[in-house]
Amino acid sequence: MDERNRKIGEMFSSIAPKYDFLNRLLSLGRDRQWRRQAVAGIRPKRGGRHLDVATGTADVALEILRQKGVESFVVGSDISLEMMRIGREKATRQGGAGRMAFVRAPGEALPFRDGVFDSASIAFGIRNVADRERGLSEMCRVVRPGGRVVVLEFSRPEGALFGALYHLYFTQVLPRIGGLVSKRSAYTYLPESVQAFPSSPAFAEMMRAGGCATVDYRPLTFGVVTLYVGIRPGRGHS
């Protein structure tokens, strides 16, 4: 694990105890709906083996289990042991422990065989992968032909009024609230990393370069986040 990944892992471990609370607070509860919509784009509709990269406290992984049913299995990978510890506790409380496994691994070096999963997802984590292109290539590699790569990530709303108001909230208000409850530097890093993230068309092209045959994307909540769905070339469910 390189130095950047190590520092990011330490940062997320430091905010892990308040992470879920702040997600609900700072998104005004919309983060749950965003994750539900992302998982709805995963195939098959029931069952399957799924990988959730940068799983954190396992919100997406648990949503996959809820939507895909008892025959599904999810592996969550992350570089923060503390985040995964909380995710494992949540899985146990929610009855998903036997259908979920956790693996410590950076997104650029996933320790799985080619084509072993029906899908690979990452929610609000691709910004934090040190080598983003390599991370997308790895996600595509471990998905079977016809399988899906699903990415949920913050974006920048374009509307003049809403965009300006959101920029003010995201860059000024959010870090202050985050600092009152948790570690301010982490919530200063968040808007900075979003500002540096590629536009939606550019990121979709990056997914295609990583191995997705087709990539569709759509903004959610006036463009606060964008949902990307790519399909690995070859036969299989689409």
Protein backbone atom coordinates (compact mmCIF):
# COMPACT_ATOMS: atom_id res chain seq x y z
CA MET A 1 0.00 0.00 0.00
CA ASP A 2 1.51 3.33 -1.05
CA GLU A 3 1.85 6.41 1.16
CA ARG A 4 -1.23 8.21 -0.21
CA ASN A 5 -3.43 5.18 0.40
CA ARG A 6 -2.00 4.80 3.89
CA LYS A 7 -2.81 8.42 4.78
CA ILE A 8 -6.33 8.21 3.35
CA GLY A 9 -6.92 4.99 5.27
CA GLU A 10 -5.78 6.66 8.50
CA MET A 11 -8.01 9.68 7.84
CA PHE A 12 -11.11 7.54 7.36
CA SER A 13 -10.26 5.40 10.39
CA SER A 14 -10.11 8.59 12.46
CA ILE A 15 -13.65 9.65 11.47
CA ALA A 16 -15.18 6.15 11.43
CA PRO A 17 -17.13 6.45 14.73
CA LYS A 18 -19.12 9.47 13.45
CA TYR A 19 -19.10 8.63 9.75
CA ASP A 20 -22.63 7.24 9.40
CA PHE A 21 -24.15 9.98 11.56
CA LEU A 22 -22.50 12.72 9.51
CA ASN A 23 -23.51 11.08 6.22
CA ARG A 24 -27.16 11.28 7.27
CA LEU A 25 -26.82 14.81 8.65
CA LEU A 26 -24.81 16.43 5.89
CA SER A 27 -26.82 14.87 3.05
CA LEU A 28 -30.12 15.66 4.80
CA GLY A 29 -30.84 11.93 4.68
CA ARG A 30 -30.54 11.69 0.88
CA ASP A 31 -27.55 9.35 1.00
CA ARG A 32 -29.81 6.36 1.68
CA GLN A 33 -31.85 7.03 -1.44
CA TRP A 34 -28.70 7.49 -3.54
CA ARG A 35 -27.39 4.10 -2.43
CA ARG A 36 -30.73 2.41 -3.10
CA GLN A 37 -30.73 3.81 -6.63
CA ALA A 38 -27.14 2.68 -7.21
CA VAL A 39 -27.84 -0.87 -6.06
CA ALA A 40 -30.99 -0.99 -8.21
CA GLY A 41 -28.64 -0.71 -11.20
CA ILE A 42 -26.79 -3.89 -10.24
CA ARG A 43 -27.60 -7.22 -11.91
CA PRO A 44 -28.84 -9.89 -11.47
CA LYS A 45 -31.95 -8.63 -9.72
CA ARG A 46 -31.75 -11.50 -7.21
CA GLY A 47 -28.77 -13.45 -5.92
CA GLY A 48 -25.28 -13.17 -7.36
CA ARG A 49 -21.77 -12.48 -6.08
CA HIS A 50 -20.93 -8.83 -5.69
CA LEU A 51 -17.90 -6.73 -4.78
CA ASP A 52 -18.21 -3.37 -3.01
CA VAL A 53 -14.94 -1.43 -3.27
CA ALA A 54 -14.16 1.22 -0.63
CA THR A 55 -17.03 -0.33 1.30
CA GLY A 56 -16.40 1.77 4.42
CA THR A 57 -19.07 0.99 7.00
CA ALA A 58 -20.80 -1.31 4.51
CA ASP A 59 -23.93 0.72 3.74
CA VAL A 60 -23.86 -0.24 0.05
CA ALA A 61 -22.90 -3.85 0.79
CA LEU A 62 -25.85 -4.20 3.16
CA GLU A 63 -28.17 -2.58 0.63
CA ILE A 64 -27.04 -5.16 -1.93
CA LEU A 65 -27.99 -7.94 0.48
CA ARG A 66 -31.38 -6.33 1.08
CA GLN A 67 -32.19 -5.95 -2.60
CA LYS A 68 -30.65 -9.17 -3.92
CA GLY A 69 -32.00 -11.52 -1.27
CA VAL A 70 -30.75 -14.50 0.69
CA GLU A 71 -28.88 -16.13 -2.21
CA SER A 72 -26.60 -13.12 -2.68
CA PHE A 73 -23.07 -12.77 -1.33
CA VAL A 74 -21.04 -9.57 -0.99
CA VAL A 75 -17.34 -8.94 -0.47
CA GLY A 76 -16.48 -5.50 0.88
CA SER A 77 -12.94 -4.20 0.36
CA ASP A 78 -11.40 -1.12 1.96
CA ILE A 79 -8.09 0.26 3.21
CA SER A 80 -9.50 1.35 6.60
CA LEU A 81 -9.70 -1.43 9.16
CA GLU A 82 -11.74 0.72 11.53
CA MET A 83 -14.39 1.48 8.93
CA MET A 84 -14.68 -2.22 8.09
CA ARG A 85 -14.88 -3.11 11.78
CA ILE A 86 -17.97 -0.94 12.08
CA GLY A 87 -19.33 -2.43 8.87
CA ARG A 88 -18.86 -5.94 10.21
CA GLU A 89 -20.72 -5.03 13.40
CA LYS A 90 -23.60 -3.60 11.35
CA ALA A 91 -23.72 -6.75 9.23
CA THR A 92 -23.94 -8.88 12.36
CA ARG A 93 -26.75 -6.77 13.81
CA GLN A 94 -28.69 -6.86 10.54
CA GLY A 95 -28.35 -10.59 10.00
CA GLY A 96 -25.99 -10.40 7.04
CA ALA A 97 -22.77 -11.67 8.60
CA GLY A 98 -22.94 -15.08 6.92
CA ARG A 99 -23.40 -13.55 3.48
CA MET A 100 -20.65 -10.94 3.67
CA ALA A 101 -16.86 -10.93 3.86
CA PHE A 102 -14.39 -8.08 4.33
CA VAL A 103 -10.94 -7.79 2.73
CA ARG A 104 -8.35 -5.08 3.28
CA ALA A 105 -7.11 -4.03 -0.14
CA PRO A 106 -6.53 -0.82 -2.13
CA GLY A 107 -8.73 -0.27 -5.15
CA GLU A 108 -5.73 -0.48 -7.48
CA ALA A 109 -4.83 -4.04 -6.42
CA LEU A 110 -7.93 -6.15 -5.84
CA PRO A 111 -6.89 -9.66 -4.73
CA PHE A 112 -9.49 -11.56 -6.77
CA ARG A 113 -9.50 -13.67 -9.93
CA ASP A 114 -10.70 -12.31 -13.25
CA GLY A 115 -14.46 -12.40 -13.77
CA VAL A 116 -15.37 -13.80 -10.34
CA PHE A 117 -18.11 -11.27 -9.48
CA ASP A 118 -21.43 -10.40 -11.09
CA SER A 119 -20.88 -6.75 -10.24
CA ALA A 120 -18.43 -4.32 -8.69
CA SER A 121 -19.60 -1.11 -7.03
CA ILE A 122 -18.01 1.88 -5.37
CA ALA A 123 -19.91 4.70 -3.67
CA PHE A 124 -18.20 7.99 -2.82
CA GLY A 125 -14.84 6.25 -2.93
CA ILE A 126 -13.38 6.49 -6.42
CA ARG A 127 -12.12 10.01 -5.60
CA ASN A 128 -9.97 8.44 -2.90
CA VAL A 129 -8.33 5.77 -5.06
CA ALA A 130 -4.76 6.93 -5.62
CA ASP A 131 -4.60 5.61 -9.20
CA ARG A 132 -8.18 6.11 -10.40
CA GLU A 133 -7.64 4.63 -13.86
CA ARG A 134 -6.06 1.51 -12.40
CA GLY A 135 -8.88 1.18 -9.86
CA LEU A 136 -11.53 1.25 -12.59
CA SER A 137 -9.56 -1.27 -14.63
CA GLU A 138 -9.36 -3.58 -11.60
CA MET A 139 -13.11 -3.31 -10.95
CA CYS A 140 -13.82 -4.21 -14.58
CA ARG A 141 -11.32 -7.08 -14.50
CA VAL A 142 -12.94 -8.88 -11.56
CA VAL A 143 -16.45 -8.63 -13.07
CA ARG A 144 -17.61 -11.39 -15.43
CA PRO A 145 -18.37 -10.61 -19.09
CA GLY A 146 -21.71 -8.83 -19.20
CA GLY A 147 -21.42 -7.85 -15.54
CA ARG A 148 -21.81 -4.30 -14.27
CA VAL A 149 -19.48 -1.72 -12.76
CA VAL A 150 -21.51 0.80 -10.74
CA VAL A 151 -20.03 4.07 -9.47
CA LEU A 152 -21.82 6.61 -7.28
CA GLU A 153 -19.91 9.84 -6.77
CA PHE A 154 -20.37 13.47 -5.84
CA SER A 155 -20.53 15.94 -8.71
CA ARG A 156 -20.95 19.67 -9.16
CA PRO A 157 -24.51 20.98 -9.77
CA GLU A 158 -24.62 23.23 -12.82
CA GLY A 159 -27.69 25.41 -12.16
CA ALA A 160 -26.73 29.04 -11.54
CA LEU A 161 -28.68 29.56 -8.31
CA PHE A 162 -28.68 26.04 -6.91
CA GLY A 163 -25.08 25.49 -7.99
CA ALA A 164 -23.95 28.64 -6.17
CA LEU A 165 -25.90 27.79 -3.02
CA TYR A 166 -24.62 24.24 -3.02
CA HIS A 167 -21.03 25.39 -3.55
CA LEU A 168 -21.37 27.68 -0.51
CA TYR A 169 -22.80 24.86 1.60
CA PHE A 170 -20.26 22.30 0.40
CA THR A 171 -17.15 24.43 0.81
CA GLN A 172 -18.06 26.57 3.85
CA VAL A 173 -20.87 25.05 5.91
CA LEU A 174 -20.14 21.33 5.57
CA PRO A 175 -16.52 21.49 6.82
CA ARG A 176 -17.61 23.50 9.86
CA ILE A 177 -20.36 21.03 10.79
CA GLY A 178 -18.02 18.11 10.19
CA GLY A 179 -15.39 19.78 12.38
CA LEU A 180 -17.84 20.24 15.25
CA VAL A 181 -18.75 16.55 15.28
CA SER A 182 -15.64 14.85 13.94
CA LYS A 183 -12.32 15.77 12.29
CA ARG A 184 -12.52 19.00 10.29
CA SER A 185 -9.59 18.19 7.99
CA ALA A 186 -11.49 15.18 6.61
CA TYR A 187 -14.49 17.34 5.76
CA THR A 188 -12.26 19.98 4.19
CA TYR A 189 -10.69 17.24 2.07
CA LEU A 190 -14.15 16.20 0.83
CA PRO A 191 -15.07 19.38 -1.12
CA GLU A 192 -11.50 19.77 -2.33
CA SER A 193 -11.51 16.26 -3.79
CA VAL A 194 -14.92 16.81 -5.42
CA GLN A 195 -13.76 20.05 -7.03
CA ALA A 196 -10.79 18.18 -8.52
CA PHE A 197 -12.94 15.30 -9.84
CA PRO A 198 -13.49 15.03 -13.62
CA SER A 199 -16.73 16.10 -15.28
CA SER A 200 -19.34 13.38 -15.79
CA PRO A 201 -18.57 12.90 -19.52
CA ALA A 202 -14.83 12.75 -18.80
CA PHE A 203 -15.28 10.22 -16.01
CA ALA A 204 -17.57 8.08 -18.18
CA GLU A 205 -14.81 8.04 -20.80
CA MET A 206 -12.37 7.00 -18.09
CA MET A 207 -14.63 4.02 -17.28
CA ARG A 208 -14.68 3.06 -20.95
CA ALA A 209 -10.90 3.24 -21.05
CA GLY A 210 -10.84 0.99 -17.98
CA GLY A 211 -12.68 -1.76 -19.85
CA CYS A 212 -16.41 -0.98 -19.80
CA ALA A 213 -18.04 -1.49 -23.22
CA THR A 214 -20.85 0.96 -22.52
CA VAL A 215 -21.29 3.54 -19.79
CA ASP A 216 -24.52 5.33 -18.92
CA TYR A 217 -24.71 8.07 -16.31
CA ARG A 218 -27.37 10.28 -14.79
CA PRO A 219 -27.40 13.04 -12.19
CA LEU A 220 -29.31 12.58 -8.94
CA THR A 221 -30.73 15.34 -6.70
CA PHE A 222 -30.11 18.19 -9.16
CA GLY A 223 -26.59 16.96 -9.90
CA VAL A 224 -25.31 16.73 -6.32
CA VAL A 225 -24.24 13.18 -7.15
CA THR A 226 -23.95 11.20 -10.39
CA LEU A 227 -24.66 7.50 -10.90
CA TYR A 228 -22.54 5.72 -13.52
CA VAL A 229 -23.26 2.19 -14.77
CA GLY A 230 -20.78 0.41 -17.03
CA ILE A 231 -20.99 -3.05 -18.58
CA ARG A 232 -18.01 -5.31 -19.16
CA PRO A 233 -17.87 -6.57 -22.77
CA GLY A 234 -18.93 -10.13 -23.50
CA ARG A 235 -21.88 -12.41 -22.98
CA GLY A 236 -23.94 -12.39 -19.82
CA HIS A 237 -26.75 -10.53 -18.16
CA SER A 238 -27.02 -6.87 -19.14
